[in-house]
Structure formats: C-alpha cells, structure tokens
C-alpha cells in the first residue's frame, strides 16, 4: 500500500533528545490519483523518530508486512 504523509512541527524527544515529527495528514495514495484520508488511524500527537518508524506503525495497525507499506512525504 502507498501512503502520503505531511509532517507537522518537529520537536526533540524528551527521552532520547533525538529529533521527532508528528503527522499532520495521512492519505492512502491510489494509482487513479484519488486520496483517502486515513489520519484517524494513527495517533497524530505521537512524535515519530523516523519515516521508518511510521511505516512500521502503519503496517502493525493495518495487519500488513512492513515491506508492503510505502511512504512518501508531501509538502504542506
């Protein structure tokens, strides 16, 4: 599955002091050019450390293999 996400403000993790980001929007991208808003499937207040972590979270949430999830960051 192909997903597009838009980052919200970046912050530093209080636990690891590493940069994190929150997801503003999450859409399923289709080949027909239509986008389904799936932002409700994730906790948008969570600070992700990397796109890889977001990909793994989506895979777990949707019951998919992580290799089958594709992410693309879009600009605001």
N, C-alpha and C. Protein backbone atom coordinates (compact mmCIF):
# COMPACT_ATOMS: atom_id res chain seq x y z
N UNK A 1 0.83 -1.18 0.00
CA UNK A 1 0.00 0.00 0.00
C UNK A 1 0.88 1.24 0.00
N UNK A 2 0.42 2.25 -0.69
CA UNK A 2 1.16 3.51 -0.80
C UNK A 2 0.47 4.57 0.05
N UNK A 3 1.25 5.24 0.88
CA UNK A 3 0.73 6.30 1.74
C UNK A 3 1.53 7.58 1.52
N UNK A 4 0.84 8.69 1.70
CA UNK A 4 1.47 10.00 1.67
C UNK A 4 1.20 10.66 3.01
N UNK A 5 2.22 11.28 3.57
CA UNK A 5 2.02 11.98 4.83
C UNK A 5 2.64 13.36 4.77
N UNK A 6 2.10 14.24 5.61
CA UNK A 6 2.63 15.58 5.76
C UNK A 6 3.05 15.74 7.20
N UNK A 7 4.26 16.23 7.39
CA UNK A 7 4.77 16.44 8.74
C UNK A 7 4.17 17.69 9.36
N UNK A 8 4.02 17.60 10.67
CA UNK A 8 3.70 18.76 11.46
C UNK A 8 5.01 19.22 12.09
N UNK A 9 4.99 20.13 12.98
CA UNK A 9 6.20 20.65 13.59
C UNK A 9 7.12 19.54 14.10
N UNK A 10 8.40 19.76 13.96
CA UNK A 10 9.39 18.86 14.53
C UNK A 10 9.67 19.27 15.96
N UNK A 11 10.06 18.33 16.76
CA UNK A 11 10.41 18.59 18.16
C UNK A 11 11.51 17.62 18.57
N UNK A 12 12.05 17.81 19.73
CA UNK A 12 13.04 16.89 20.26
C UNK A 12 12.37 16.01 21.30
N UNK A 13 12.72 14.74 21.28
CA UNK A 13 12.17 13.80 22.25
C UNK A 13 12.73 14.11 23.64
N UNK A 14 11.87 14.22 24.65
CA UNK A 14 12.38 14.47 26.00
C UNK A 14 13.12 13.26 26.57
N UNK A 15 12.89 12.09 26.00
CA UNK A 15 13.52 10.87 26.49
C UNK A 15 14.88 10.64 25.83
N UNK A 16 14.92 10.73 24.50
CA UNK A 16 16.16 10.42 23.77
C UNK A 16 16.90 11.65 23.27
N UNK A 17 16.30 12.82 23.36
CA UNK A 17 16.85 14.08 22.84
C UNK A 17 17.10 14.01 21.33
N UNK A 18 16.41 13.12 20.66
CA UNK A 18 16.51 12.99 19.20
C UNK A 18 15.38 13.77 18.55
N UNK A 19 15.58 14.24 17.32
CA UNK A 19 14.50 14.97 16.63
C UNK A 19 13.33 14.04 16.31
N UNK A 20 12.13 14.55 16.45
CA UNK A 20 10.92 13.79 16.13
C UNK A 20 10.00 14.66 15.28
N UNK A 21 8.98 14.04 14.73
CA UNK A 21 7.96 14.78 13.99
C UNK A 21 6.60 14.17 14.25
N UNK A 22 5.57 14.99 14.11
CA UNK A 22 4.21 14.50 14.19
C UNK A 22 3.62 14.53 12.79
N UNK A 23 2.61 13.69 12.58
CA UNK A 23 1.97 13.61 11.27
C UNK A 23 0.77 14.53 11.25
N UNK A 24 0.73 15.42 10.28
CA UNK A 24 -0.42 16.32 10.11
C UNK A 24 -1.53 15.61 9.36
N UNK A 25 -1.19 15.01 8.21
CA UNK A 25 -2.18 14.27 7.43
C UNK A 25 -1.56 12.96 6.94
N UNK A 26 -2.41 11.98 6.80
CA UNK A 26 -2.01 10.69 6.26
C UNK A 26 -3.06 10.28 5.24
N UNK A 27 -2.61 10.04 4.02
CA UNK A 27 -3.52 9.65 2.94
C UNK A 27 -3.05 8.36 2.29
N UNK A 28 -4.00 7.57 1.87
CA UNK A 28 -3.68 6.41 1.04
C UNK A 28 -3.68 6.91 -0.40
N UNK A 29 -2.59 6.70 -1.08
CA UNK A 29 -2.47 7.16 -2.46
C UNK A 29 -2.86 6.02 -3.39
N UNK A 30 -3.71 6.30 -4.34
CA UNK A 30 -4.12 5.28 -5.31
C UNK A 30 -3.55 5.63 -6.68
N UNK A 31 -3.49 4.66 -7.52
CA UNK A 31 -2.98 4.88 -8.88
C UNK A 31 -3.93 5.74 -9.70
N UNK A 32 -5.17 5.80 -9.30
CA UNK A 32 -6.16 6.60 -10.02
C UNK A 32 -6.06 8.08 -9.63
N UNK A 33 -5.16 8.40 -8.71
CA UNK A 33 -4.99 9.78 -8.30
C UNK A 33 -5.90 10.20 -7.16
N UNK A 34 -6.76 9.31 -6.71
CA UNK A 34 -7.65 9.61 -5.59
C UNK A 34 -6.90 9.36 -4.29
N UNK A 35 -7.24 10.15 -3.28
CA UNK A 35 -6.60 10.01 -1.97
C UNK A 35 -7.67 9.80 -0.91
N UNK A 36 -7.46 8.81 -0.07
CA UNK A 36 -8.37 8.56 1.04
C UNK A 36 -7.68 9.02 2.32
N UNK A 37 -8.32 9.91 3.07
CA UNK A 37 -7.76 10.42 4.31
C UNK A 37 -7.82 9.33 5.38
N UNK A 38 -6.66 8.92 5.86
CA UNK A 38 -6.58 7.87 6.89
C UNK A 38 -5.96 8.40 8.18
N UNK A 39 -5.98 9.70 8.35
CA UNK A 39 -5.35 10.33 9.52
C UNK A 39 -5.92 9.80 10.83
N UNK A 40 -7.16 9.38 10.80
CA UNK A 40 -7.81 8.89 12.02
C UNK A 40 -7.24 7.55 12.49
N UNK A 41 -6.46 6.87 11.68
CA UNK A 41 -5.92 5.56 12.04
C UNK A 41 -4.69 5.64 12.95
N UNK A 42 -4.11 6.82 13.07
CA UNK A 42 -2.91 6.95 13.89
C UNK A 42 -3.10 8.02 14.95
N UNK A 43 -2.23 7.98 15.95
CA UNK A 43 -2.21 9.00 17.00
C UNK A 43 -1.34 10.14 16.48
N UNK A 44 -1.98 11.23 16.08
CA UNK A 44 -1.24 12.33 15.47
C UNK A 44 -0.47 13.16 16.49
N UNK A 45 -0.61 12.87 17.77
CA UNK A 45 0.16 13.58 18.78
C UNK A 45 1.48 12.87 19.08
N UNK A 46 1.66 11.67 18.53
CA UNK A 46 2.87 10.89 18.78
C UNK A 46 4.05 11.47 17.99
N UNK A 47 5.21 11.54 18.61
CA UNK A 47 6.42 12.03 17.95
C UNK A 47 7.21 10.88 17.33
N UNK A 48 7.12 10.74 16.01
CA UNK A 48 7.86 9.69 15.31
C UNK A 48 9.32 10.10 15.16
N UNK A 49 10.22 9.15 15.33
CA UNK A 49 11.64 9.42 15.20
C UNK A 49 12.11 9.34 13.75
N UNK A 50 11.35 8.63 12.92
CA UNK A 50 11.77 8.48 11.53
C UNK A 50 10.58 8.02 10.68
N UNK A 51 10.66 8.19 9.36
CA UNK A 51 9.63 7.64 8.49
C UNK A 51 9.54 6.12 8.61
N UNK A 52 10.68 5.49 8.89
CA UNK A 52 10.68 4.02 9.06
C UNK A 52 9.80 3.62 10.24
N UNK A 53 9.86 4.37 11.34
CA UNK A 53 9.01 4.07 12.49
C UNK A 53 7.53 4.24 12.13
N UNK A 54 7.22 5.27 11.37
CA UNK A 54 5.84 5.48 10.91
C UNK A 54 5.39 4.32 10.03
N UNK A 55 6.26 3.87 9.14
CA UNK A 55 5.94 2.74 8.25
C UNK A 55 5.64 1.48 9.06
N UNK A 56 6.47 1.19 10.05
CA UNK A 56 6.25 0.02 10.90
C UNK A 56 4.95 0.15 11.69
N UNK A 57 4.66 1.34 12.18
CA UNK A 57 3.43 1.57 12.93
C UNK A 57 2.20 1.32 12.04
N UNK A 58 2.25 1.85 10.81
CA UNK A 58 1.14 1.63 9.88
C UNK A 58 0.97 0.15 9.55
N UNK A 59 2.05 -0.53 9.31
CA UNK A 59 1.99 -1.96 8.99
C UNK A 59 1.34 -2.74 10.13
N UNK A 60 1.76 -2.44 11.35
CA UNK A 60 1.18 -3.13 12.51
C UNK A 60 -0.30 -2.80 12.64
N UNK A 61 -0.64 -1.54 12.49
CA UNK A 61 -2.03 -1.09 12.64
C UNK A 61 -2.96 -1.72 11.60
N UNK A 62 -2.43 -1.91 10.36
CA UNK A 62 -3.25 -2.43 9.27
C UNK A 62 -3.08 -3.94 9.06
N UNK A 63 -2.23 -4.58 9.85
CA UNK A 63 -2.03 -6.02 9.72
C UNK A 63 -1.30 -6.39 8.44
N UNK A 64 -0.35 -5.55 8.03
CA UNK A 64 0.41 -5.77 6.80
C UNK A 64 1.87 -6.04 7.12
N UNK A 65 2.57 -6.62 6.18
CA UNK A 65 4.01 -6.77 6.31
C UNK A 65 4.65 -5.39 6.10
N UNK A 66 5.62 -5.01 6.91
CA UNK A 66 6.24 -3.70 6.76
C UNK A 66 6.79 -3.44 5.35
N UNK A 67 7.25 -4.47 4.67
CA UNK A 67 7.79 -4.30 3.31
C UNK A 67 6.71 -3.93 2.30
N UNK A 68 5.45 -4.16 2.64
CA UNK A 68 4.37 -3.86 1.70
C UNK A 68 3.84 -2.43 1.85
N UNK A 69 4.35 -1.72 2.85
CA UNK A 69 3.91 -0.34 3.09
C UNK A 69 4.94 0.62 2.50
N UNK A 70 4.48 1.53 1.66
CA UNK A 70 5.33 2.55 1.03
C UNK A 70 4.90 3.92 1.52
N UNK A 71 5.87 4.75 1.88
CA UNK A 71 5.59 6.10 2.36
C UNK A 71 6.23 7.13 1.47
N UNK A 72 5.53 8.23 1.33
CA UNK A 72 6.06 9.37 0.57
C UNK A 72 5.67 10.63 1.33
N UNK A 73 6.66 11.45 1.65
CA UNK A 73 6.37 12.70 2.35
C UNK A 73 5.97 13.78 1.35
N UNK A 74 4.91 14.50 1.66
CA UNK A 74 4.45 15.58 0.80
C UNK A 74 4.65 16.91 1.52
N UNK A 75 4.75 17.97 0.76
CA UNK A 75 4.90 19.30 1.35
C UNK A 75 3.54 19.82 1.76
N UNK A 76 3.55 20.74 2.68
CA UNK A 76 2.29 21.34 3.16
C UNK A 76 1.64 22.16 2.09
